[in-house]
Amino acid sequence: MMTKRFNTLAAAGLLLASGLFGHAEPAHAGNVYAAQLGCFVDTYAFDYTQIGSCGAVWTPGSASNPTTAYFEVVGLPAGSYTYVWTNLETGGSVGCSGPTCTVSIATETRGDGYAALSVRITDLSTGAQNTVSADAEYLDGYN
């Protein structure tokens, strides 16, 4: 009885091992079209990334003015990508090179209260490209 049970377990183990070490599917490149650009304006609150558009209101003690607007590419699967960032207000480059970028932002009473960026993402394994954008607004809630 023990031999039959051992043979059954051994056969099950071989079947499992053949599935684990058999022919693997080829790796697939990431889908750059699933990418989105999120952002948040840094305040003293618990800030979280919002897709496409974000904002905050400044009042005394709620944040620095100016502060930082954080932009982050989200939704990309693991892979190798390049990122080319553009300031949509000026048309110039931003100086960021990875999946995140930060820019200074001041309220409309101390600046223009607005930051807008886009990023062109290129999948290095396929050459596929996608450009996504987001904008941040920082309003003065005191004046």
Protein backbone atom coordinates (compact mmCIF):
# COMPACT_ATOMS: atom_id res chain seq x y z
CA MET A 1 0.00 0.00 0.00
CA MET A 2 2.85 2.39 0.86
CA THR A 3 4.55 1.74 -2.51
CA LYS A 4 1.37 2.57 -4.44
CA ARG A 5 0.97 5.80 -2.47
CA PHE A 6 4.63 6.71 -3.07
CA ASN A 7 4.27 6.04 -6.83
CA THR A 8 1.16 8.23 -6.97
CA LEU A 9 2.92 11.07 -5.15
CA ALA A 10 6.01 10.67 -7.34
CA ALA A 11 3.91 10.82 -10.51
CA ALA A 12 2.12 13.93 -9.24
CA GLY A 13 5.48 15.52 -8.43
CA LEU A 14 6.83 14.79 -11.91
CA LEU A 15 3.70 16.22 -13.50
CA LEU A 16 4.03 19.38 -11.39
CA ALA A 17 7.75 19.66 -12.15
CA SER A 18 7.18 19.30 -15.88
CA GLY A 19 4.70 22.16 -15.72
CA LEU A 20 7.15 24.32 -13.78
CA PHE A 21 10.19 23.61 -15.90
CA GLY A 22 8.54 23.03 -19.26
CA HIS A 23 8.40 25.47 -22.16
CA ALA A 24 7.90 29.02 -20.90
CA GLU A 25 5.91 31.65 -22.74
CA PRO A 26 8.01 34.47 -24.20
CA ALA A 27 8.13 37.70 -22.22
CA HIS A 28 5.85 40.43 -23.49
CA ALA A 29 6.80 44.07 -23.56
CA GLY A 30 4.97 46.57 -21.41
CA ASN A 31 1.95 48.42 -22.73
CA VAL A 32 2.87 52.12 -22.80
CA TYR A 33 -0.75 52.93 -23.71
CA ALA A 34 -1.84 51.91 -20.20
CA ALA A 35 0.28 54.72 -18.71
CA GLN A 36 -1.29 57.74 -17.06
CA LEU A 37 0.21 60.82 -15.46
CA GLY A 38 -0.78 61.61 -11.91
CA CYS A 39 0.13 64.50 -9.66
CA PHE A 40 -0.29 66.10 -6.24
CA VAL A 41 0.56 69.45 -4.71
CA ASP A 42 2.60 68.98 -1.54
CA THR A 43 0.87 70.31 1.59
CA TYR A 44 1.02 69.38 5.27
CA ALA A 45 -1.96 67.08 4.71
CA PHE A 46 -1.75 63.47 3.56
CA ASP A 47 -1.45 64.14 -0.18
CA TYR A 48 -2.18 61.45 -2.73
CA THR A 49 -1.73 61.16 -6.47
CA GLN A 50 -4.69 62.07 -8.66
CA ILE A 51 -4.77 61.13 -12.33
CA GLY A 52 -4.74 63.92 -14.90
CA SER A 53 -5.37 66.90 -12.66
CA CYS A 54 -4.66 67.83 -9.06
CA GLY A 55 -4.82 70.80 -6.80
CA ALA A 56 -4.55 72.24 -3.33
CA VAL A 57 -5.62 75.35 -1.47
CA TRP A 58 -3.12 77.26 0.63
CA THR A 59 -4.03 78.84 3.97
CA PRO A 60 -1.63 79.87 6.74
CA GLY A 61 -0.22 76.76 8.40
CA SER A 62 -1.50 74.36 5.72
CA ALA A 63 1.54 74.31 3.44
CA SER A 64 4.54 76.22 2.21
CA ASN A 65 4.04 78.83 -0.47
CA PRO A 66 5.66 78.14 -2.87
CA THR A 67 5.61 74.37 -2.55
CA THR A 68 6.26 71.41 -4.85
CA ALA A 69 4.04 69.78 -7.45
CA TYR A 70 4.88 66.09 -7.88
CA PHE A 71 4.14 64.35 -11.18
CA GLU A 72 4.35 60.56 -11.55
CA VAL A 73 3.82 58.08 -14.38
CA VAL A 74 1.48 55.31 -13.20
CA GLY A 75 0.05 52.19 -14.82
CA LEU A 76 3.18 50.91 -16.54
CA PRO A 77 4.07 47.24 -16.18
CA ALA A 78 7.64 46.28 -15.36
CA GLY A 79 9.93 47.06 -18.26
CA SER A 80 12.58 49.41 -19.54
CA TYR A 81 11.40 52.87 -20.56
CA THR A 82 12.71 56.33 -21.33
CA TYR A 83 10.90 59.48 -20.24
CA VAL A 84 11.05 62.88 -21.92
CA TRP A 85 9.33 65.60 -19.86
CA THR A 86 7.94 68.88 -21.24
CA ASN A 87 6.64 71.96 -19.45
CA LEU A 88 3.34 72.65 -21.22
CA GLU A 89 3.32 76.30 -20.12
CA THR A 90 6.69 77.15 -21.68
CA GLY A 91 7.14 74.33 -24.18
CA GLY A 92 10.60 73.72 -22.76
CA SER A 93 12.13 70.70 -21.09
CA VAL A 94 11.86 70.23 -17.33
CA GLY A 95 15.13 68.47 -16.57
CA CYS A 96 13.60 65.23 -15.26
CA SER A 97 14.56 61.84 -16.68
CA GLY A 98 12.73 59.11 -14.73
CA PRO A 99 9.07 58.24 -14.08
CA THR A 100 8.68 61.11 -11.56
CA CYS A 101 9.21 64.83 -11.86
CA THR A 102 8.89 67.74 -9.44
CA VAL A 103 8.40 71.43 -10.13
CA SER A 104 7.98 74.44 -7.88
CA ILE A 105 4.49 75.89 -7.70
CA ALA A 106 3.23 79.05 -5.96
CA THR A 107 -0.34 80.21 -5.45
CA GLU A 108 -1.86 82.59 -7.96
CA THR A 109 -1.15 85.50 -5.59
CA ARG A 110 2.58 84.67 -5.59
CA GLY A 111 2.92 83.22 -9.07
CA ASP A 112 0.47 81.78 -11.52
CA GLY A 113 -0.78 78.91 -9.31
CA TYR A 114 -0.49 76.47 -12.18
CA ALA A 115 1.90 73.79 -13.46
CA ALA A 116 1.33 71.51 -16.43
CA LEU A 117 3.65 68.77 -17.65
CA SER A 118 3.61 66.07 -20.28
CA VAL A 119 5.89 63.09 -20.62
CA ARG A 120 6.65 60.98 -23.69
CA ILE A 121 7.24 57.38 -22.63
CA THR A 122 9.16 55.04 -24.92
CA ASP A 123 9.28 51.27 -24.37
CA LEU A 124 12.90 50.37 -25.10
CA SER A 125 12.05 46.78 -26.09
CA THR A 126 9.40 47.66 -28.72
CA GLY A 127 9.92 51.33 -29.54
CA ALA A 128 6.25 52.02 -28.76
CA GLN A 129 5.60 55.55 -27.50
CA ASN A 130 2.82 57.31 -25.63
CA THR A 131 2.53 60.86 -24.34
CA VAL A 132 0.47 61.63 -21.24
CA SER A 133 -0.11 64.90 -19.41
CA ALA A 134 -1.42 66.33 -16.16
CA ASP A 135 -1.87 69.73 -14.58
CA ALA A 136 -1.63 71.02 -11.02
CA GLU A 137 -3.34 74.04 -9.49
CA TYR A 138 -2.42 75.80 -6.25
CA LEU A 139 -4.91 78.38 -5.01
CA ASP A 140 -4.65 80.98 -2.25
CA GLY A 141 -7.48 80.33 0.20
CA TYR A 142 -6.48 83.18 2.53
CA ASN A 143 -6.70 86.24 0.26
